[in-house]
Amino acid sequence: METRKSYVVRSLVLAGVIAIAGCATTGGAPSKNEDPSVIATRAVERWNLLIASKAEKAYDFLTPGYRATKPRDDYAREMNGRAMRWTNVAYISQECEADTCKVKLSVGYKINLGGPTGNVAASGPVTETWIRSGGKWYALPDALQPTKLQSHTEP
């Protein structure tokens, strides 16, 4: 159960991320002059770095606000140290409003269950939020998305 202090801190971090993004955005959904494949390309590039266990490089695809709160080494250690290994990624679609896009991907993974079962491979859908900041698109980590913060109840 999350403490009130932790909830407040997460809310403040989210507010900061949104404020930074709002101050630095160029406005609007991807313009007619901006190729929507830019977002798809960045999302797939980030996942390909995670697949290659290069989370320290994938870190650069995260929002400036998130990077201000989590050091690169911590993020890389956390992502590269997972027992589950991602194996592939495929872009599915995206829906954008103003400076926010929901990007849908299919991510393959494998996990070693041990014993006679051994490695098990599967894939599943992933929906990420991407925001435009300073004219560039960045992934907003799942834990900082408004729906994740609002789902916690106060004690």
Protein backbone atom coordinates (compact mmCIF):
# COMPACT_ATOMS: atom_id res chain seq x y z
CA MET A 1 0.00 0.00 0.00
CA GLU A 2 1.35 3.35 -0.97
CA THR A 3 1.85 5.96 1.73
CA ARG A 4 0.37 9.43 1.48
CA LYS A 5 3.86 10.94 1.24
CA SER A 6 4.79 8.61 -1.64
CA TYR A 7 1.53 9.45 -3.42
CA VAL A 8 2.20 13.18 -3.03
CA VAL A 9 5.79 12.82 -4.31
CA ARG A 10 4.62 10.85 -7.37
CA SER A 11 1.91 13.42 -8.04
CA LEU A 12 4.44 16.25 -7.85
CA VAL A 13 6.81 14.43 -10.21
CA LEU A 14 3.96 13.95 -12.70
CA ALA A 15 2.98 17.61 -12.40
CA GLY A 16 6.60 18.58 -13.06
CA VAL A 17 6.82 16.34 -16.10
CA ILE A 18 3.62 17.80 -17.51
CA ALA A 19 4.76 21.35 -16.73
CA ILE A 20 8.12 20.82 -18.41
CA ALA A 21 6.42 19.29 -21.42
CA GLY A 22 3.86 22.09 -21.56
CA CYS A 23 6.48 24.81 -21.46
CA ALA A 24 8.61 23.24 -24.15
CA THR A 25 6.02 21.97 -26.61
CA THR A 26 5.36 23.26 -30.06
CA GLY A 27 1.61 22.60 -29.84
CA GLY A 28 -0.84 20.34 -31.62
CA ALA A 29 -0.90 16.77 -32.80
CA PRO A 30 1.74 15.77 -35.31
CA SER A 31 1.40 18.49 -37.92
CA LYS A 32 0.75 17.83 -41.58
CA ASN A 33 4.43 18.61 -42.18
CA GLU A 34 5.58 16.18 -39.46
CA ASP A 35 5.67 12.54 -40.47
CA PRO A 36 3.74 10.47 -37.90
CA SER A 37 6.28 7.68 -38.43
CA VAL A 38 8.70 9.77 -36.29
CA ILE A 39 6.88 8.61 -33.16
CA ALA A 40 6.65 5.00 -34.37
CA THR A 41 10.35 5.00 -35.24
CA ARG A 42 11.38 6.41 -31.85
CA ALA A 43 9.20 3.92 -29.97
CA VAL A 44 10.65 0.95 -31.87
CA GLU A 45 14.22 2.30 -31.54
CA ARG A 46 13.81 2.57 -27.77
CA TRP A 47 12.52 -0.99 -27.50
CA ASN A 48 15.30 -2.31 -29.74
CA LEU A 49 17.82 -0.79 -27.32
CA LEU A 50 16.05 -2.48 -24.39
CA ILE A 51 16.07 -5.78 -26.31
CA ALA A 52 19.82 -5.38 -26.85
CA SER A 53 20.29 -4.71 -23.09
CA LYS A 54 21.37 -1.13 -23.82
CA ALA A 55 19.01 0.56 -21.39
CA GLU A 56 21.61 3.26 -20.77
CA LYS A 57 20.98 4.40 -24.37
CA ALA A 58 17.20 3.82 -24.20
CA TYR A 59 17.25 6.27 -21.27
CA ASP A 60 17.65 9.16 -23.73
CA PHE A 61 14.17 8.40 -25.13
CA LEU A 62 12.52 9.09 -21.75
CA THR A 63 10.95 12.46 -20.90
CA PRO A 64 13.29 15.17 -19.62
CA GLY A 65 11.25 15.34 -16.40
CA TYR A 66 11.71 11.63 -15.71
CA ARG A 67 15.43 11.81 -16.47
CA ALA A 68 15.70 14.68 -13.96
CA THR A 69 14.42 12.36 -11.23
CA LYS A 70 16.12 9.04 -12.06
CA PRO A 71 19.84 8.68 -12.79
CA ARG A 72 20.87 6.89 -15.99
CA ASP A 73 22.81 4.19 -14.11
CA ASP A 74 19.84 3.34 -11.88
CA TYR A 75 17.52 3.07 -14.86
CA ALA A 76 19.99 0.92 -16.83
CA ARG A 77 20.61 -1.40 -13.88
CA GLU A 78 16.86 -1.81 -13.29
CA MET A 79 15.96 -2.46 -16.93
CA ASN A 80 18.96 -4.63 -17.88
CA GLY A 81 18.71 -6.68 -14.68
CA ARG A 82 15.21 -8.04 -15.25
CA ALA A 83 14.69 -11.80 -15.34
CA MET A 84 12.40 -11.39 -18.33
CA ARG A 85 14.21 -10.77 -21.62
CA TRP A 86 12.53 -8.90 -24.43
CA THR A 87 13.07 -10.51 -27.82
CA ASN A 88 11.32 -8.37 -30.45
CA VAL A 89 9.01 -5.43 -30.99
CA ALA A 90 6.49 -4.51 -33.66
CA TYR A 91 4.67 -1.20 -34.07
CA ILE A 92 0.87 -1.52 -34.22
CA SER A 93 -0.68 1.97 -34.16
CA GLN A 94 -0.84 5.35 -32.50
CA GLU A 95 -3.51 7.84 -31.49
CA CYS A 96 -2.52 11.43 -30.85
CA GLU A 97 -4.09 14.48 -29.20
CA ALA A 98 -2.16 17.71 -29.03
CA ASP A 99 1.31 16.85 -27.71
CA THR A 100 0.46 13.37 -26.42
CA CYS A 101 0.31 10.08 -28.31
CA LYS A 102 -0.70 6.62 -27.21
CA VAL A 103 1.55 4.20 -29.09
CA LYS A 104 0.54 0.55 -29.33
CA LEU A 105 3.26 -2.06 -29.80
CA SER A 106 3.57 -5.82 -29.62
CA VAL A 107 6.56 -6.90 -27.54
CA GLY A 108 7.96 -10.43 -27.53
CA TYR A 109 9.66 -11.78 -24.45
CA LYS A 110 11.02 -14.91 -22.85
CA ILE A 111 11.36 -15.93 -19.26
CA ASN A 112 13.07 -18.93 -17.72
CA LEU A 113 10.63 -20.76 -15.47
CA GLY A 114 13.26 -23.33 -14.52
CA GLY A 115 12.89 -27.07 -14.27
CA PRO A 116 11.52 -29.02 -17.22
CA THR A 117 9.58 -25.98 -18.43
CA GLY A 118 12.74 -23.95 -19.06
CA ASN A 119 12.39 -20.88 -21.28
CA VAL A 120 8.89 -19.79 -22.17
CA ALA A 121 8.38 -17.30 -24.99
CA ALA A 122 5.33 -15.15 -25.59
CA SER A 123 4.35 -11.70 -26.79
CA GLY A 124 1.85 -9.15 -25.65
CA PRO A 125 0.51 -5.70 -26.34
CA VAL A 126 2.13 -2.64 -24.80
CA THR A 127 0.58 0.82 -24.87
CA GLU A 128 2.95 3.67 -24.15
CA THR A 129 2.36 7.37 -23.70
CA TRP A 130 4.67 9.63 -25.67
CA ILE A 131 4.79 13.39 -25.19
CA ARG A 132 6.34 16.12 -27.29
CA SER A 133 8.80 18.34 -25.46
CA GLY A 134 11.01 20.89 -27.17
CA GLY A 135 9.78 19.63 -30.53
CA LYS A 136 10.93 16.06 -29.84
CA TRP A 137 8.92 12.99 -28.78
CA TYR A 138 9.71 11.19 -25.50
CA ALA A 139 8.30 8.15 -23.70
CA LEU A 140 6.56 8.84 -20.41
CA PRO A 141 7.29 5.91 -18.05
CA ASP A 142 4.23 3.90 -17.12
CA ALA A 143 4.39 4.64 -13.39
CA LEU A 144 4.05 8.39 -14.03
CA GLN A 145 0.99 8.22 -16.25
CA PRO A 146 -2.05 9.97 -14.76
CA THR A 147 -4.21 6.82 -14.77
CA LYS A 148 -1.57 4.98 -12.72
CA LEU A 149 -1.35 7.78 -10.14
CA GLN A 150 -5.12 8.19 -9.82
CA SER A 151 -5.65 4.48 -9.20
CA HIS A 152 -3.96 4.70 -5.79
CA THR A 153 -6.17 5.40 -2.81
CA GLU A 154 -5.16 7.58 0.09
CA PRO A 155 -5.05 6.04 3.58
